[in-house]
Amino acid sequence: MKTVEGRMVVNTIDGRYGAFNVATLYSDIGNYVVRYDALDEFRSGTYEGEFIVRNTMLRTRDFGVGKIIEPIAFLDDMNLFDADENKQEDIPDAIPDPIEEESSTVVDKPKNDLTHLKTETERPSHSEVVDLFGELWPLQEKLKLDATVGRATLRLQKEYLETQADYIFIAKHQVWIKNH
């Protein structure tokens, strides 16, 4: 593991399985596509800080009639100094959804699908919410989501917290706080 200072730029993309985030880490040791389990909690924007890199690798993916070679940094954690949220940067077309990349044959399906909740007037049942959050239920005033539940479930948890439960994400501390 290595700790590097840098700037992480997060962009939100609308994909087949809903909105997802992609990020690029700009640092003195190079620029990397970011893989971080909790990335979907963030808003589009720029985040300055120290990033704990578990490992790096090169990955090749098809793009049109050619191939793209991407340097990837797998992050374990980060200590953010500053955040400039809600700033969408220019991003290339055809970025694959990480859910599609995780498994080419089986998509990480959340155990409780709340995707039918498209408006704020439609509320999930109590049992659906309990199933969605599992051990985190009942929700506390300050909440840190468990990114090991899988990206699809994490996205649903984020959507519920923002649209149904009136929580706000504090990127610097990577926690959700009940908005009073």
C-alpha atoms as a PDB file:
ATOM      1  CA  MET A   1       0.000   0.000   0.000  1.00  0.00           C
ATOM      2  CA  LYS A   2       1.078   3.522  -0.738  1.00  0.00           C
ATOM      3  CA  THR A   3      -0.353   6.873   0.336  1.00  0.00           C
ATOM      4  CA  VAL A   4      -0.336   9.568  -2.342  1.00  0.00           C
ATOM      5  CA  GLU A   5      -1.542  13.146  -2.339  1.00  0.00           C
ATOM      6  CA  GLY A   6      -3.633  14.165  -5.265  1.00  0.00           C
ATOM      7  CA  ARG A   7      -6.903  15.262  -6.760  1.00  0.00           C
ATOM      8  CA  MET A   8      -9.762  12.872  -7.491  1.00  0.00           C
ATOM      9  CA  VAL A   9     -12.286  14.018 -10.096  1.00  0.00           C
ATOM     10  CA  VAL A  10     -15.652  12.241  -9.856  1.00  0.00           C
ATOM     11  CA  ASN A  11     -18.210  12.244 -12.677  1.00  0.00           C
ATOM     12  CA  THR A  12     -21.710  10.751 -12.667  1.00  0.00           C
ATOM     13  CA  ILE A  13     -22.917   8.812 -15.706  1.00  0.00           C
ATOM     14  CA  ASP A  14     -26.423   7.499 -16.432  1.00  0.00           C
ATOM     15  CA  GLY A  15     -26.054   3.831 -17.319  1.00  0.00           C
ATOM     16  CA  ARG A  16     -28.250   0.840 -18.018  1.00  0.00           C
ATOM     17  CA  TYR A  17     -28.474   0.014 -14.284  1.00  0.00           C
ATOM     18  CA  GLY A  18     -28.890   3.617 -13.144  1.00  0.00           C
ATOM     19  CA  ALA A  19     -26.491   6.436 -12.366  1.00  0.00           C
ATOM     20  CA  PHE A  20     -22.943   5.479 -11.423  1.00  0.00           C
ATOM     21  CA  ASN A  21     -19.732   7.322 -10.690  1.00  0.00           C
ATOM     22  CA  VAL A  22     -16.358   7.140 -12.375  1.00  0.00           C
ATOM     23  CA  ALA A  23     -13.258   8.893 -11.097  1.00  0.00           C
ATOM     24  CA  THR A  24      -9.745   9.786 -12.109  1.00  0.00           C
ATOM     25  CA  LEU A  25      -6.940  10.289  -9.605  1.00  0.00           C
ATOM     26  CA  TYR A  26      -4.372  12.905 -10.604  1.00  0.00           C
ATOM     27  CA  SER A  27      -1.155  12.626  -8.580  1.00  0.00           C
ATOM     28  CA  ASP A  28       2.615  13.052  -8.762  1.00  0.00           C
ATOM     29  CA  ILE A  29       3.019   9.344  -9.507  1.00  0.00           C
ATOM     30  CA  GLY A  30       0.616   9.476 -12.452  1.00  0.00           C
ATOM     31  CA  ASN A  31      -3.041   9.626 -13.423  1.00  0.00           C
ATOM     32  CA  TYR A  32      -5.255   6.628 -12.721  1.00  0.00           C
ATOM     33  CA  VAL A  33      -8.801   5.432 -13.196  1.00  0.00           C
ATOM     34  CA  VAL A  34     -10.104   4.939  -9.651  1.00  0.00           C
ATOM     35  CA  ARG A  35     -11.636   1.750  -8.278  1.00  0.00           C
ATOM     36  CA  TYR A  36     -13.099   2.397  -4.830  1.00  0.00           C
ATOM     37  CA  ASP A  37     -15.994   0.445  -3.342  1.00  0.00           C
ATOM     38  CA  ALA A  38     -17.751   3.523  -1.950  1.00  0.00           C
ATOM     39  CA  LEU A  39     -17.286   5.726  -5.038  1.00  0.00           C
ATOM     40  CA  ASP A  40     -21.016   5.811  -5.826  1.00  0.00           C
ATOM     41  CA  GLU A  41     -21.683   7.728  -2.591  1.00  0.00           C
ATOM     42  CA  PHE A  42     -19.878  10.809  -3.889  1.00  0.00           C
ATOM     43  CA  ARG A  43     -21.314  13.665  -5.931  1.00  0.00           C
ATOM     44  CA  SER A  44     -19.689  14.861  -9.132  1.00  0.00           C
ATOM     45  CA  GLY A  45     -16.818  17.139  -8.277  1.00  0.00           C
ATOM     46  CA  THR A  46     -13.167  17.466  -7.368  1.00  0.00           C
ATOM     47  CA  TYR A  47     -11.746  16.096  -4.117  1.00  0.00           C
ATOM     48  CA  GLU A  48      -8.261  16.968  -2.830  1.00  0.00           C
ATOM     49  CA  GLY A  49      -6.599  14.698  -0.301  1.00  0.00           C
ATOM     50  CA  GLU A  50      -4.429  11.717   0.545  1.00  0.00           C
ATOM     51  CA  PHE A  51      -5.389   8.476  -1.141  1.00  0.00           C
ATOM     52  CA  ILE A  52      -4.400   5.039   0.125  1.00  0.00           C
ATOM     53  CA  VAL A  53      -3.625   2.934  -2.945  1.00  0.00           C
ATOM     54  CA  ARG A  54      -3.809  -0.844  -2.408  1.00  0.00           C
ATOM     55  CA  ASN A  55      -2.366  -1.625  -5.830  1.00  0.00           C
ATOM     56  CA  THR A  56      -2.232  -0.471  -9.424  1.00  0.00           C
ATOM     57  CA  MET A  57      -2.547  -2.291 -12.713  1.00  0.00           C
ATOM     58  CA  LEU A  58      -3.037  -1.736 -16.421  1.00  0.00           C
ATOM     59  CA  ARG A  59      -6.293  -2.869 -17.990  1.00  0.00           C
ATOM     60  CA  THR A  60      -7.157  -3.144 -21.649  1.00  0.00           C
ATOM     61  CA  ARG A  61     -10.697  -2.676 -22.914  1.00  0.00           C
ATOM     62  CA  ASP A  62     -12.251  -2.516 -26.352  1.00  0.00           C
ATOM     63  CA  PHE A  63     -13.315   0.868 -27.653  1.00  0.00           C
ATOM     64  CA  GLY A  64     -14.850   1.006 -31.096  1.00  0.00           C
ATOM     65  CA  VAL A  65     -12.401  -0.675 -33.451  1.00  0.00           C
ATOM     66  CA  GLY A  66      -9.427  -0.214 -31.140  1.00  0.00           C
ATOM     67  CA  LYS A  67      -8.327  -0.806 -27.589  1.00  0.00           C
ATOM     68  CA  ILE A  68      -7.740   1.479 -24.627  1.00  0.00           C
ATOM     69  CA  ILE A  69      -5.071   0.784 -22.028  1.00  0.00           C
ATOM     70  CA  GLU A  70      -5.981   2.327 -18.677  1.00  0.00           C
ATOM     71  CA  PRO A  71      -3.853   2.608 -15.550  1.00  0.00           C
ATOM     72  CA  ILE A  72      -6.099   1.694 -12.606  1.00  0.00           C
ATOM     73  CA  ALA A  73      -5.594   2.481  -8.916  1.00  0.00           C
ATOM     74  CA  PHE A  74      -7.492   0.395  -6.354  1.00  0.00           C
ATOM     75  CA  LEU A  75      -8.120   2.570  -3.287  1.00  0.00           C
ATOM     76  CA  ASP A  76      -8.564   1.284   0.245  1.00  0.00           C
ATOM     77  CA  ASP A  77      -9.376   4.625   1.827  1.00  0.00           C
ATOM     78  CA  MET A  78      -8.835   8.357   1.595  1.00  0.00           C
ATOM     79  CA  ASN A  79      -8.392  11.405   3.790  1.00  0.00           C
ATOM     80  CA  LEU A  80     -10.010  14.367   2.048  1.00  0.00           C
ATOM     81  CA  PHE A  81      -8.825  17.934   2.613  1.00  0.00           C
ATOM     82  CA  ASP A  82     -11.180  19.787   0.298  1.00  0.00           C
ATOM     83  CA  ALA A  83     -14.194  19.089  -1.895  1.00  0.00           C
ATOM     84  CA  ASP A  84     -15.636  21.069  -4.808  1.00  0.00           C
ATOM     85  CA  GLU A  85     -18.866  19.154  -5.449  1.00  0.00           C
ATOM     86  CA  ASN A  86     -21.421  19.331  -8.255  1.00  0.00           C
ATOM     87  CA  LYS A  87     -18.859  20.094 -10.933  1.00  0.00           C
ATOM     88  CA  GLN A  88     -19.126  17.705 -13.880  1.00  0.00           C
ATOM     89  CA  GLU A  89     -15.971  17.449 -16.002  1.00  0.00           C
ATOM     90  CA  ASP A  90     -15.733  16.375 -19.625  1.00  0.00           C
ATOM     91  CA  ILE A  91     -15.710  12.594 -19.837  1.00  0.00           C
ATOM     92  CA  PRO A  92     -15.190  10.262 -22.768  1.00  0.00           C
ATOM     93  CA  ASP A  93     -18.070   8.303 -24.284  1.00  0.00           C
ATOM     94  CA  ALA A  94     -18.564   4.582 -23.729  1.00  0.00           C
ATOM     95  CA  ILE A  95     -17.363   4.240 -20.148  1.00  0.00           C
ATOM     96  CA  PRO A  96     -18.587   0.858 -18.900  1.00  0.00           C
ATOM     97  CA  ASP A  97     -20.718   0.623 -15.764  1.00  0.00           C
ATOM     98  CA  PRO A  98     -18.653  -1.041 -12.999  1.00  0.00           C
ATOM     99  CA  ILE A  99     -21.587  -3.373 -12.311  1.00  0.00           C
ATOM    100  CA  GLU A 100     -21.206  -4.722 -15.855  1.00  0.00           C
ATOM    101  CA  GLU A 101     -17.445  -5.094 -15.347  1.00  0.00           C
ATOM    102  CA  GLU A 102     -17.740  -6.966 -12.044  1.00  0.00           C
ATOM    103  CA  SER A 103     -19.262  -9.943 -13.752  1.00  0.00           C
ATOM    104  CA  SER A 104     -19.791 -10.487 -17.428  1.00  0.00           C
ATOM    105  CA  THR A 105     -22.377 -13.193 -16.777  1.00  0.00           C
ATOM    106  CA  VAL A 106     -24.128 -12.251 -13.523  1.00  0.00           C
ATOM    107  CA  VAL A 107     -25.019  -8.726 -12.462  1.00  0.00           C
ATOM    108  CA  ASP A 108     -24.850  -7.920  -8.735  1.00  0.00           C
ATOM    109  CA  LYS A 109     -28.568  -7.770  -8.025  1.00  0.00           C
ATOM    110  CA  PRO A 110     -29.541  -6.220  -4.720  1.00  0.00           C
ATOM    111  CA  LYS A 111     -31.601  -8.501  -2.522  1.00  0.00           C
ATOM    112  CA  ASN A 112     -34.285  -5.826  -2.360  1.00  0.00           C
ATOM    113  CA  ASP A 113     -34.966  -3.997  -5.616  1.00  0.00           C
ATOM    114  CA  LEU A 114     -36.408  -0.540  -4.976  1.00  0.00           C
ATOM    115  CA  THR A 115     -35.899   0.727  -8.532  1.00  0.00           C
ATOM    116  CA  HIS A 116     -39.654   1.090  -8.936  1.00  0.00           C
ATOM    117  CA  LEU A 117     -39.497   4.086  -6.580  1.00  0.00           C
ATOM    118  CA  LYS A 118     -39.061   6.850  -9.115  1.00  0.00           C
ATOM    119  CA  THR A 119     -41.000   9.597  -7.377  1.00  0.00           C
ATOM    120  CA  GLU A 120     -40.837  10.935  -3.859  1.00  0.00           C
ATOM    121  CA  THR A 121     -44.515  10.125  -3.362  1.00  0.00           C
ATOM    122  CA  GLU A 122     -43.858   6.402  -3.788  1.00  0.00           C
ATOM    123  CA  ARG A 123     -42.348   5.154  -0.547  1.00  0.00           C
ATOM    124  CA  PRO A 124     -40.946   1.686   0.086  1.00  0.00           C
ATOM    125  CA  SER A 125     -42.536  -0.460   2.746  1.00  0.00           C
ATOM    126  CA  HIS A 126     -40.872  -0.664   6.149  1.00  0.00           C
ATOM    127  CA  SER A 127     -39.774  -4.257   5.488  1.00  0.00           C
ATOM    128  CA  GLU A 128     -38.209  -3.281   2.120  1.00  0.00           C
ATOM    129  CA  VAL A 129     -36.137  -0.582   3.814  1.00  0.00           C
ATOM    130  CA  VAL A 130     -35.088  -2.922   6.639  1.00  0.00           C
ATOM    131  CA  ASP A 131     -33.990  -5.513   4.042  1.00  0.00           C
ATOM    132  CA  LEU A 132     -32.132  -2.873   2.019  1.00  0.00           C
ATOM    133  CA  PHE A 133     -30.054  -1.647   4.969  1.00  0.00           C
ATOM    134  CA  GLY A 134     -29.681  -4.948   6.845  1.00  0.00           C
ATOM    135  CA  GLU A 135     -27.407  -4.568   9.885  1.00  0.00           C
ATOM    136  CA  LEU A 136     -27.404  -0.769   9.538  1.00  0.00           C
ATOM    137  CA  TRP A 137     -31.096  -0.718  10.505  1.00  0.00           C
ATOM    138  CA  PRO A 138     -32.354   1.212  12.383  1.00  0.00           C
ATOM    139  CA  LEU A 139     -30.624   4.164  10.734  1.00  0.00           C
ATOM    140  CA  GLN A 140     -28.663   6.420  13.075  1.00  0.00           C
ATOM    141  CA  GLU A 141     -28.208  10.212  12.881  1.00  0.00           C
ATOM    142  CA  LYS A 142     -24.690   9.615  11.513  1.00  0.00           C
ATOM    143  CA  LEU A 143     -24.251   6.670   9.156  1.00  0.00           C
ATOM    144  CA  LYS A 144     -21.379   5.076   7.229  1.00  0.00           C
ATOM    145  CA  LEU A 145     -22.541   2.719   4.491  1.00  0.00           C
ATOM    146  CA  ASP A 146     -20.874  -0.666   4.026  1.00  0.00           C
ATOM    147  CA  ALA A 147     -19.483  -0.728   0.490  1.00  0.00           C
ATOM    148  CA  THR A 148     -19.001  -4.512   0.623  1.00  0.00           C
ATOM    149  CA  VAL A 149     -22.744  -5.012  -0.016  1.00  0.00           C
ATOM    150  CA  GLY A 150     -22.102  -4.506  -3.739  1.00  0.00           C
ATOM    151  CA  ARG A 151     -22.475  -1.529  -6.027  1.00  0.00           C
ATOM    152  CA  ALA A 152     -26.121  -2.126  -6.938  1.00  0.00           C
ATOM    153  CA  THR A 153     -27.227  -2.254  -3.296  1.00  0.00           C
ATOM    154  CA  LEU A 154     -25.013   0.708  -2.392  1.00  0.00           C
ATOM    155  CA  ARG A 155     -26.642   2.755  -5.165  1.00  0.00           C
ATOM    156  CA  LEU A 156     -30.119   1.917  -3.853  1.00  0.00           C
ATOM    157  CA  GLN A 157     -29.080   2.813  -0.295  1.00  0.00           C
ATOM    158  CA  LYS A 158     -27.689   6.149  -1.503  1.00  0.00           C
ATOM    159  CA  GLU A 159     -30.848   6.903  -3.492  1.00  0.00           C
ATOM    160  CA  TYR A 160     -33.062   6.102  -0.497  1.00  0.00           C
ATOM    161  CA  LEU A 161     -31.000   8.246   1.882  1.00  0.00           C
ATOM    162  CA  GLU A 162     -31.077  11.229  -0.496  1.00  0.00           C
ATOM    163  CA  THR A 163     -34.658  11.064  -1.744  1.00  0.00           C
ATOM    164  CA  GLN A 164     -36.671   9.371   0.999  1.00  0.00           C
ATOM    165  CA  ALA A 165     -34.833   9.795   4.319  1.00  0.00           C
ATOM    166  CA  ASP A 166     -33.414  13.358   4.042  1.00  0.00           C
ATOM    167  CA  TYR A 167     -29.752  12.508   4.656  1.00  0.00           C
ATOM    168  CA  ILE A 168     -26.795  14.404   3.223  1.00  0.00           C
ATOM    169  CA  PHE A 169     -23.409  12.915   2.349  1.00  0.00           C
ATOM    170  CA  ILE A 170     -20.385  14.602   3.931  1.00  0.00           C
ATOM    171  CA  ALA A 171     -17.625  13.643   1.494  1.00  0.00           C
ATOM    172  CA  LYS A 172     -14.750  14.843   3.669  1.00  0.00           C
ATOM    173  CA  HIS A 173     -15.705  12.330   6.384  1.00  0.00           C
ATOM    174  CA  GLN A 174     -17.458   9.837   4.076  1.00  0.00           C
ATOM    175  CA  VAL A 175     -20.543   9.650   6.282  1.00  0.00           C
ATOM    176  CA  TRP A 176     -24.250  10.352   5.881  1.00  0.00           C
ATOM    177  CA  ILE A 177     -25.850  12.827   8.320  1.00  0.00           C
ATOM    178  CA  LYS A 178     -29.576  13.229   8.983  1.00  0.00           C
ATOM    179  CA  ASN A 179     -30.608  16.674   7.700  1.00  0.00           C
ATOM    180  CA  HIS A 180     -32.780  18.464  10.265  1.00  0.00           C
END
